[in-house]
Amino acid sequence: MSDTQRQLELQYRKLLVDSYSSQLTTHARLIIGFAIILLTLLGVRPNLKQPISEMQLGILYFAIFLAAFGLWFLFMRHLMYGLLVHSATFASPTGEGDLYDQILNNTRERTLKKRILVVIPSCLFYSTGKKRSWLNRLFGLILCIGLALLTTYLVWELIG
């Protein structure tokens, strides 16, 4: 590999890593925002005037669920972009097309072979543009909904 080709490869790799790193930063900020919202909602219930109507409880329960869902979904996406940064760092240029496409394709292949938190397939939170990608993303949303319901129930029991 020539020196200019090596420099070009490093530039393309840096471009990918910078793009994924900015997504990591954005997701981290959103996670902090949803955590603050969830903690605020946890402080609301004890301060509601008694007797609490079922409507108030339902709205509060739904708001806690939405905050928990946002936290779980963003957390999974954050981990996904972490996998993409790792893959872009170590991806070797293979396949057809120009050098950038080769690195990008290898990054996608490496990422799709990995798992989030050891058990969750990365394809649930990463779309590849293939036909069945929307189905994988739907399963990712369903997983986050289930985790949010569990979190909401546990938080609801915690605050009594």
C-alpha atoms as a PDB file:
ATOM      1  CA  MET A   1       0.000   0.000   0.000  1.00  0.00           C
ATOM      2  CA  SER A   2       1.445   3.345  -0.999  1.00  0.00           C
ATOM      3  CA  ASP A   3       1.947   6.180   1.422  1.00  0.00           C
ATOM      4  CA  THR A   4      -0.707   8.378  -0.206  1.00  0.00           C
ATOM      5  CA  GLN A   5      -3.219   5.548  -0.170  1.00  0.00           C
ATOM      6  CA  ARG A   6      -2.481   4.953   3.520  1.00  0.00           C
ATOM      7  CA  GLN A   7      -3.047   8.665   4.278  1.00  0.00           C
ATOM      8  CA  LEU A   8      -6.297   8.598   2.331  1.00  0.00           C
ATOM      9  CA  GLU A   9      -7.435   5.532   4.276  1.00  0.00           C
ATOM     10  CA  LEU A  10      -6.673   7.278   7.571  1.00  0.00           C
ATOM     11  CA  GLN A  11      -8.626  10.356   6.440  1.00  0.00           C
ATOM     12  CA  TYR A  12     -11.663   8.246   5.542  1.00  0.00           C
ATOM     13  CA  ARG A  13     -11.426   6.325   8.796  1.00  0.00           C
ATOM     14  CA  LYS A  14     -11.198   9.613  10.743  1.00  0.00           C
ATOM     15  CA  LEU A  15     -14.232  10.907   8.864  1.00  0.00           C
ATOM     16  CA  LEU A  16     -16.268   7.848   9.919  1.00  0.00           C
ATOM     17  CA  VAL A  17     -15.071   7.926  13.517  1.00  0.00           C
ATOM     18  CA  ASP A  18     -15.802  11.662  13.804  1.00  0.00           C
ATOM     19  CA  SER A  19     -19.317  11.139  12.450  1.00  0.00           C
ATOM     20  CA  TYR A  20     -20.073   8.279  14.833  1.00  0.00           C
ATOM     21  CA  SER A  21     -18.456  10.120  17.750  1.00  0.00           C
ATOM     22  CA  SER A  22     -20.718  13.120  17.231  1.00  0.00           C
ATOM     23  CA  GLN A  23     -23.695  10.752  17.376  1.00  0.00           C
ATOM     24  CA  LEU A  24     -22.317   9.314  20.629  1.00  0.00           C
ATOM     25  CA  THR A  25     -22.112  12.800  22.120  1.00  0.00           C
ATOM     26  CA  THR A  26     -25.640  13.672  21.015  1.00  0.00           C
ATOM     27  CA  HIS A  27     -27.081  10.462  22.428  1.00  0.00           C
ATOM     28  CA  ALA A  28     -25.238  10.987  25.721  1.00  0.00           C
ATOM     29  CA  ARG A  29     -26.748  14.466  26.047  1.00  0.00           C
ATOM     30  CA  LEU A  30     -30.222  13.133  25.352  1.00  0.00           C
ATOM     31  CA  ILE A  31     -29.751  10.322  27.892  1.00  0.00           C
ATOM     32  CA  ILE A  32     -28.865  12.897  30.552  1.00  0.00           C
ATOM     33  CA  GLY A  33     -31.946  14.936  29.606  1.00  0.00           C
ATOM     34  CA  PHE A  34     -34.282  11.943  29.859  1.00  0.00           C
ATOM     35  CA  ALA A  35     -32.700  10.941  33.190  1.00  0.00           C
ATOM     36  CA  ILE A  36     -33.410  14.426  34.546  1.00  0.00           C
ATOM     37  CA  ILE A  37     -37.005  14.189  33.302  1.00  0.00           C
ATOM     38  CA  LEU A  38     -37.420  10.768  34.944  1.00  0.00           C
ATOM     39  CA  LEU A  39     -36.006  11.988  38.252  1.00  0.00           C
ATOM     40  CA  THR A  40     -38.294  15.024  38.118  1.00  0.00           C
ATOM     41  CA  LEU A  41     -41.307  12.794  37.536  1.00  0.00           C
ATOM     42  CA  LEU A  42     -40.291  10.633  40.483  1.00  0.00           C
ATOM     43  CA  GLY A  43     -40.408  13.713  42.685  1.00  0.00           C
ATOM     44  CA  VAL A  44     -43.867  14.709  41.470  1.00  0.00           C
ATOM     45  CA  ARG A  45     -45.927  11.820  42.833  1.00  0.00           C
ATOM     46  CA  PRO A  46     -45.227  12.330  46.543  1.00  0.00           C
ATOM     47  CA  ASN A  47     -46.042  16.033  46.149  1.00  0.00           C
ATOM     48  CA  LEU A  48     -49.466  15.578  44.531  1.00  0.00           C
ATOM     49  CA  LYS A  49     -52.360  16.719  46.692  1.00  0.00           C
ATOM     50  CA  GLN A  50     -54.399  13.926  48.186  1.00  0.00           C
ATOM     51  CA  PRO A  51     -56.696  12.387  47.050  1.00  0.00           C
ATOM     52  CA  ILE A  52     -55.011  11.692  43.708  1.00  0.00           C
ATOM     53  CA  SER A  53     -57.401  11.043  40.840  1.00  0.00           C
ATOM     54  CA  GLU A  54     -56.917   8.062  38.560  1.00  0.00           C
ATOM     55  CA  MET A  55     -56.442  10.479  35.671  1.00  0.00           C
ATOM     56  CA  GLN A  56     -53.481  12.123  37.425  1.00  0.00           C
ATOM     57  CA  LEU A  57     -51.960   8.732  38.218  1.00  0.00           C
ATOM     58  CA  GLY A  58     -52.445   7.561  34.632  1.00  0.00           C
ATOM     59  CA  ILE A  59     -50.790  10.661  33.192  1.00  0.00           C
ATOM     60  CA  LEU A  60     -47.882  10.370  35.624  1.00  0.00           C
ATOM     61  CA  TYR A  61     -47.487   6.638  34.923  1.00  0.00           C
ATOM     62  CA  PHE A  62     -47.494   7.276  31.153  1.00  0.00           C
ATOM     63  CA  ALA A  63     -44.970  10.120  31.498  1.00  0.00           C
ATOM     64  CA  ILE A  64     -42.650   7.863  33.526  1.00  0.00           C
ATOM     65  CA  PHE A  65     -43.037   5.169  30.852  1.00  0.00           C
ATOM     66  CA  LEU A  66     -42.128   7.626  28.075  1.00  0.00           C
ATOM     67  CA  ALA A  67     -39.050   8.823  29.970  1.00  0.00           C
ATOM     68  CA  ALA A  68     -37.985   5.217  30.644  1.00  0.00           C
ATOM     69  CA  PHE A  69     -38.546   4.277  26.993  1.00  0.00           C
ATOM     70  CA  GLY A  70     -36.451   7.250  25.871  1.00  0.00           C
ATOM     71  CA  LEU A  71     -33.682   6.267  28.246  1.00  0.00           C
ATOM     72  CA  TRP A  72     -33.583   2.643  27.091  1.00  0.00           C
ATOM     73  CA  PHE A  73     -33.808   3.440  23.388  1.00  0.00           C
ATOM     74  CA  LEU A  74     -31.115   6.108  23.546  1.00  0.00           C
ATOM     75  CA  PHE A  75     -28.920   3.879  25.713  1.00  0.00           C
ATOM     76  CA  MET A  76     -29.100   1.075  23.139  1.00  0.00           C
ATOM     77  CA  ARG A  77     -28.385   3.498  20.290  1.00  0.00           C
ATOM     78  CA  HIS A  78     -25.477   4.923  22.288  1.00  0.00           C
ATOM     79  CA  LEU A  79     -24.008   1.444  22.643  1.00  0.00           C
ATOM     80  CA  MET A  80     -24.640   0.850  18.934  1.00  0.00           C
ATOM     81  CA  TYR A  81     -22.647   3.922  17.946  1.00  0.00           C
ATOM     82  CA  GLY A  82     -19.902   2.777  20.298  1.00  0.00           C
ATOM     83  CA  LEU A  83     -19.756  -0.475  18.320  1.00  0.00           C
ATOM     84  CA  LEU A  84     -19.634   1.513  15.082  1.00  0.00           C
ATOM     85  CA  VAL A  85     -16.709   3.602  16.341  1.00  0.00           C
ATOM     86  CA  HIS A  86     -14.891   0.435  17.349  1.00  0.00           C
ATOM     87  CA  SER A  87     -15.593  -1.212  14.002  1.00  0.00           C
ATOM     88  CA  ALA A  88     -14.584   1.884  12.013  1.00  0.00           C
ATOM     89  CA  THR A  89     -11.314   2.008  13.914  1.00  0.00           C
ATOM     90  CA  PHE A  90     -10.365  -1.557  13.035  1.00  0.00           C
ATOM     91  CA  ALA A  91     -12.138  -2.097   9.690  1.00  0.00           C
ATOM     92  CA  SER A  92      -9.882  -3.002   6.820  1.00  0.00           C
ATOM     93  CA  PRO A  93     -10.740  -1.922   3.280  1.00  0.00           C
ATOM     94  CA  THR A  94     -12.240  -4.913   1.477  1.00  0.00           C
ATOM     95  CA  GLY A  95     -14.759  -5.401  -1.299  1.00  0.00           C
ATOM     96  CA  GLU A  96     -15.568  -3.316  -4.322  1.00  0.00           C
ATOM     97  CA  GLY A  97     -15.874   0.424  -4.873  1.00  0.00           C
ATOM     98  CA  ASP A  98     -13.644   3.268  -3.836  1.00  0.00           C
ATOM     99  CA  LEU A  99     -11.633   3.152  -0.628  1.00  0.00           C
ATOM    100  CA  TYR A 100     -14.259   4.969   1.465  1.00  0.00           C
ATOM    101  CA  ASP A 101     -17.003   2.511   0.413  1.00  0.00           C
ATOM    102  CA  GLN A 102     -14.721  -0.420   1.197  1.00  0.00           C
ATOM    103  CA  ILE A 103     -14.046   0.835   4.728  1.00  0.00           C
ATOM    104  CA  LEU A 104     -17.741   1.668   5.268  1.00  0.00           C
ATOM    105  CA  ASN A 105     -18.866  -1.789   4.088  1.00  0.00           C
ATOM    106  CA  ASN A 106     -16.351  -3.544   6.310  1.00  0.00           C
ATOM    107  CA  THR A 107     -17.448  -1.369   9.244  1.00  0.00           C
ATOM    108  CA  ARG A 108     -21.077  -2.390   8.691  1.00  0.00           C
ATOM    109  CA  GLU A 109     -20.173  -6.077   8.380  1.00  0.00           C
ATOM    110  CA  ARG A 110     -18.086  -6.005  11.570  1.00  0.00           C
ATOM    111  CA  THR A 111     -20.821  -4.160  13.460  1.00  0.00           C
ATOM    112  CA  LEU A 112     -23.603  -6.534  12.422  1.00  0.00           C
ATOM    113  CA  LYS A 113     -21.562  -9.497  13.727  1.00  0.00           C
ATOM    114  CA  LYS A 114     -21.383  -7.968  17.220  1.00  0.00           C
ATOM    115  CA  ARG A 115     -23.898  -7.962  20.054  1.00  0.00           C
ATOM    116  CA  ILE A 116     -24.980  -5.201  22.411  1.00  0.00           C
ATOM    117  CA  LEU A 117     -24.605  -6.106  26.091  1.00  0.00           C
ATOM    118  CA  VAL A 118     -23.490  -9.620  25.000  1.00  0.00           C
ATOM    119  CA  VAL A 119     -27.028 -10.872  24.184  1.00  0.00           C
ATOM    120  CA  ILE A 120     -28.787  -8.261  22.010  1.00  0.00           C
ATOM    121  CA  PRO A 121     -28.091  -8.491  18.255  1.00  0.00           C
ATOM    122  CA  SER A 122     -26.764  -5.193  16.946  1.00  0.00           C
ATOM    123  CA  CYS A 123     -29.071  -5.372  13.911  1.00  0.00           C
ATOM    124  CA  LEU A 124     -32.005  -4.381  16.180  1.00  0.00           C
ATOM    125  CA  PHE A 125     -30.636  -0.841  16.439  1.00  0.00           C
ATOM    126  CA  TYR A 126     -28.736  -0.445  13.176  1.00  0.00           C
ATOM    127  CA  SER A 127     -30.425  -0.232   9.800  1.00  0.00           C
ATOM    128  CA  THR A 128     -28.483  -1.431   6.793  1.00  0.00           C
ATOM    129  CA  GLY A 129     -30.951  -0.483   4.083  1.00  0.00           C
ATOM    130  CA  LYS A 130     -31.886  -4.107   3.427  1.00  0.00           C
ATOM    131  CA  LYS A 131     -35.490  -5.239   3.059  1.00  0.00           C
ATOM    132  CA  ARG A 132     -35.817  -6.833   6.488  1.00  0.00           C
ATOM    133  CA  SER A 133     -34.118  -3.955   8.286  1.00  0.00           C
ATOM    134  CA  TRP A 134     -37.448  -2.373   9.301  1.00  0.00           C
ATOM    135  CA  LEU A 135     -38.474  -5.634  10.982  1.00  0.00           C
ATOM    136  CA  ASN A 136     -35.255  -5.703  12.992  1.00  0.00           C
ATOM    137  CA  ARG A 137     -35.802  -2.101  14.061  1.00  0.00           C
ATOM    138  CA  LEU A 138     -39.377  -2.974  15.088  1.00  0.00           C
ATOM    139  CA  PHE A 139     -38.043  -5.758  17.325  1.00  0.00           C
ATOM    140  CA  GLY A 140     -35.596  -3.226  18.802  1.00  0.00           C
ATOM    141  CA  LEU A 141     -38.485  -0.883  19.603  1.00  0.00           C
ATOM    142  CA  ILE A 142     -40.477  -3.738  21.145  1.00  0.00           C
ATOM    143  CA  LEU A 143     -37.474  -4.673  23.284  1.00  0.00           C
ATOM    144  CA  CYS A 144     -37.187  -1.073  24.511  1.00  0.00           C
ATOM    145  CA  ILE A 145     -40.929  -0.936  25.214  1.00  0.00           C
ATOM    146  CA  GLY A 146     -40.653  -4.095  27.314  1.00  0.00           C
ATOM    147  CA  LEU A 147     -37.670  -2.738  29.237  1.00  0.00           C
ATOM    148  CA  ALA A 148     -39.484   0.587  29.727  1.00  0.00           C
ATOM    149  CA  LEU A 149     -42.588  -1.175  31.082  1.00  0.00           C
ATOM    150  CA  LEU A 150     -40.436  -3.157  33.511  1.00  0.00           C
ATOM    151  CA  THR A 151     -38.569  -0.020  34.564  1.00  0.00           C
ATOM    152  CA  THR A 152     -41.824   1.917  34.977  1.00  0.00           C
ATOM    153  CA  TYR A 153     -43.304  -0.822  37.147  1.00  0.00           C
ATOM    154  CA  LEU A 154     -40.196  -1.043  39.334  1.00  0.00           C
ATOM    155  CA  VAL A 155     -39.965   2.751  39.665  1.00  0.00           C
ATOM    156  CA  TRP A 156     -43.691   2.961  40.456  1.00  0.00           C
ATOM    157  CA  GLU A 157     -43.281   0.396  43.234  1.00  0.00           C
ATOM    158  CA  LEU A 158     -40.172   2.187  44.482  1.00  0.00           C
ATOM    159  CA  ILE A 159     -41.899   5.527  44.933  1.00  0.00           C
ATOM    160  CA  GLY A 160     -44.895   3.817  46.493  1.00  0.00           C
END
